[in-house]
Amino acid sequence: MGISGGASESTAIANQLCSESIQGIRTVRAFNIEPQIMGLYETLISEGQSAKKKAFTAAIGTGSSNLLMFSLYWLAFFYGGWLIK
């Protein structure tokens, strides 16, 4: 699954929580559990945000390693061309 699997799962659970609490709004209001529902929803959404940060960090690492690899290719071809000249 990787990084996005956890984010998708937590977002799906957050959407389900939101949908069920809206459908049962009378029950939520009767037991006065709005703060608990909001806290749980914010926790689930923040898990998705941390997955986004992990994905961004992985993308920066992959991009910099590709930059290094292609820079070395360029250097090797440049040096080979200089040797032929």
C-alpha atoms as a PDB file:
ATOM      1  CA  MET A   1       0.000   0.000   0.000  1.00  0.00           C
ATOM      2  CA  GLY A   2       2.740   2.480   0.825  1.00  0.00           C
ATOM      3  CA  ILE A   3       2.328   6.018   2.021  1.00  0.00           C
ATOM      4  CA  SER A   4      -0.965   6.821   0.300  1.00  0.00           C
ATOM      5  CA  GLY A   5      -2.711   3.718   1.668  1.00  0.00           C
ATOM      6  CA  GLY A   6      -2.767   5.049   5.219  1.00  0.00           C
ATOM      7  CA  ALA A   7      -3.910   8.471   4.079  1.00  0.00           C
ATOM      8  CA  SER A   8      -6.729   7.032   1.974  1.00  0.00           C
ATOM      9  CA  GLU A   9      -7.856   4.791   4.803  1.00  0.00           C
ATOM     10  CA  SER A  10      -7.890   7.580   7.395  1.00  0.00           C
ATOM     11  CA  THR A  11      -9.713   9.893   4.982  1.00  0.00           C
ATOM     12  CA  ALA A  12     -12.303   7.201   4.277  1.00  0.00           C
ATOM     13  CA  ILE A  13     -12.846   6.652   7.999  1.00  0.00           C
ATOM     14  CA  ALA A  14     -13.125  10.425   8.545  1.00  0.00           C
ATOM     15  CA  ASN A  15     -15.716  10.691   5.768  1.00  0.00           C
ATOM     16  CA  GLN A  16     -17.673   7.790   7.240  1.00  0.00           C
ATOM     17  CA  LEU A  17     -17.574   9.390  10.697  1.00  0.00           C
ATOM     18  CA  CYS A  18     -18.799  12.687   9.293  1.00  0.00           C
ATOM     19  CA  SER A  19     -21.585  11.054   7.313  1.00  0.00           C
ATOM     20  CA  GLU A  20     -22.808   8.947  10.226  1.00  0.00           C
ATOM     21  CA  SER A  21     -22.731  11.843  12.663  1.00  0.00           C
ATOM     22  CA  ILE A  22     -24.735  14.043  10.267  1.00  0.00           C
ATOM     23  CA  GLN A  23     -27.279  11.261   9.694  1.00  0.00           C
ATOM     24  CA  GLY A  24     -27.620  10.749  13.437  1.00  0.00           C
ATOM     25  CA  ILE A  25     -27.463  14.431  14.388  1.00  0.00           C
ATOM     26  CA  ARG A  26     -30.313  14.056  16.894  1.00  0.00           C
ATOM     27  CA  THR A  27     -28.426  11.347  18.762  1.00  0.00           C
ATOM     28  CA  VAL A  28     -25.207  13.353  18.672  1.00  0.00           C
ATOM     29  CA  ARG A  29     -26.965  16.408  20.048  1.00  0.00           C
ATOM     30  CA  ALA A  30     -28.876  14.385  22.656  1.00  0.00           C
ATOM     31  CA  PHE A  31     -25.706  12.900  24.141  1.00  0.00           C
ATOM     32  CA  ASN A  32     -23.713  16.126  23.651  1.00  0.00           C
ATOM     33  CA  ILE A  33     -20.801  14.370  21.934  1.00  0.00           C
ATOM     34  CA  GLU A  34     -19.991  17.043  19.335  1.00  0.00           C
ATOM     35  CA  PRO A  35     -16.562  17.805  20.878  1.00  0.00           C
ATOM     36  CA  GLN A  36     -15.582  14.123  20.882  1.00  0.00           C
ATOM     37  CA  ILE A  37     -16.678  13.689  17.256  1.00  0.00           C
ATOM     38  CA  MET A  38     -14.820  16.833  16.187  1.00  0.00           C
ATOM     39  CA  GLY A  39     -11.692  15.700  18.032  1.00  0.00           C
ATOM     40  CA  LEU A  40     -11.800  12.285  16.387  1.00  0.00           C
ATOM     41  CA  TYR A  41     -12.390  13.863  12.965  1.00  0.00           C
ATOM     42  CA  GLU A  42      -9.435  16.244  13.387  1.00  0.00           C
ATOM     43  CA  THR A  43      -7.214  13.340  14.475  1.00  0.00           C
ATOM     44  CA  LEU A  44      -8.138  11.329  11.388  1.00  0.00           C
ATOM     45  CA  ILE A  45      -7.560  14.292   9.084  1.00  0.00           C
ATOM     46  CA  SER A  46      -4.163  15.056  10.666  1.00  0.00           C
ATOM     47  CA  GLU A  47      -3.053  11.474   9.903  1.00  0.00           C
ATOM     48  CA  GLY A  48      -3.647  12.217   6.232  1.00  0.00           C
ATOM     49  CA  GLN A  49      -1.605  15.403   6.521  1.00  0.00           C
ATOM     50  CA  SER A  50       1.349  13.522   8.030  1.00  0.00           C
ATOM     51  CA  ALA A  51       1.191  11.049   5.135  1.00  0.00           C
ATOM     52  CA  LYS A  52       1.327  13.999   2.756  1.00  0.00           C
ATOM     53  CA  LYS A  53       4.510  15.233   4.464  1.00  0.00           C
ATOM     54  CA  LYS A  54       6.073  11.761   4.196  1.00  0.00           C
ATOM     55  CA  ALA A  55       5.232  11.611   0.497  1.00  0.00           C
ATOM     56  CA  PHE A  56       6.760  15.051  -0.070  1.00  0.00           C
ATOM     57  CA  THR A  57       9.957  13.993   1.716  1.00  0.00           C
ATOM     58  CA  ALA A  58      10.163  10.812  -0.358  1.00  0.00           C
ATOM     59  CA  ALA A  59       9.659  12.828  -3.554  1.00  0.00           C
ATOM     60  CA  ILE A  60      12.470  15.225  -2.625  1.00  0.00           C
ATOM     61  CA  GLY A  61      14.801  12.273  -1.965  1.00  0.00           C
ATOM     62  CA  THR A  62      13.934  10.592  -5.253  1.00  0.00           C
ATOM     63  CA  GLY A  63      14.334  13.822  -7.209  1.00  0.00           C
ATOM     64  CA  SER A  64      17.713  14.627  -5.692  1.00  0.00           C
ATOM     65  CA  SER A  65      19.020  11.118  -6.338  1.00  0.00           C
ATOM     66  CA  ASN A  66      17.903  11.371  -9.988  1.00  0.00           C
ATOM     67  CA  LEU A  67      19.567  14.778 -10.235  1.00  0.00           C
ATOM     68  CA  LEU A  68      22.811  13.309  -8.958  1.00  0.00           C
ATOM     69  CA  MET A  69      22.606  10.333 -11.337  1.00  0.00           C
ATOM     70  CA  PHE A  70      21.942  12.443 -14.438  1.00  0.00           C
ATOM     71  CA  SER A  71      24.613  14.962 -13.413  1.00  0.00           C
ATOM     72  CA  LEU A  72      27.116  12.126 -13.294  1.00  0.00           C
ATOM     73  CA  TYR A  73      25.941  10.940 -16.734  1.00  0.00           C
ATOM     74  CA  TRP A  74      26.463  14.451 -18.074  1.00  0.00           C
ATOM     75  CA  LEU A  75      29.906  14.633 -16.537  1.00  0.00           C
ATOM     76  CA  ALA A  76      30.888  11.255 -18.018  1.00  0.00           C
ATOM     77  CA  PHE A  77      29.687  12.187 -21.516  1.00  0.00           C
ATOM     78  CA  PHE A  78      31.344  15.591 -21.287  1.00  0.00           C
ATOM     79  CA  TYR A  79      34.644  14.007 -20.235  1.00  0.00           C
ATOM     80  CA  GLY A  80      34.348  11.370 -23.001  1.00  0.00           C
ATOM     81  CA  GLY A  81      33.772  14.112 -25.565  1.00  0.00           C
ATOM     82  CA  TRP A  82      36.743  16.037 -24.235  1.00  0.00           C
ATOM     83  CA  LEU A  83      38.944  12.930 -24.541  1.00  0.00           C
ATOM     84  CA  ILE A  84      37.876  12.389 -28.168  1.00  0.00           C
ATOM     85  CA  LYS A  85      38.613  16.005 -29.075  1.00  0.00           C
END
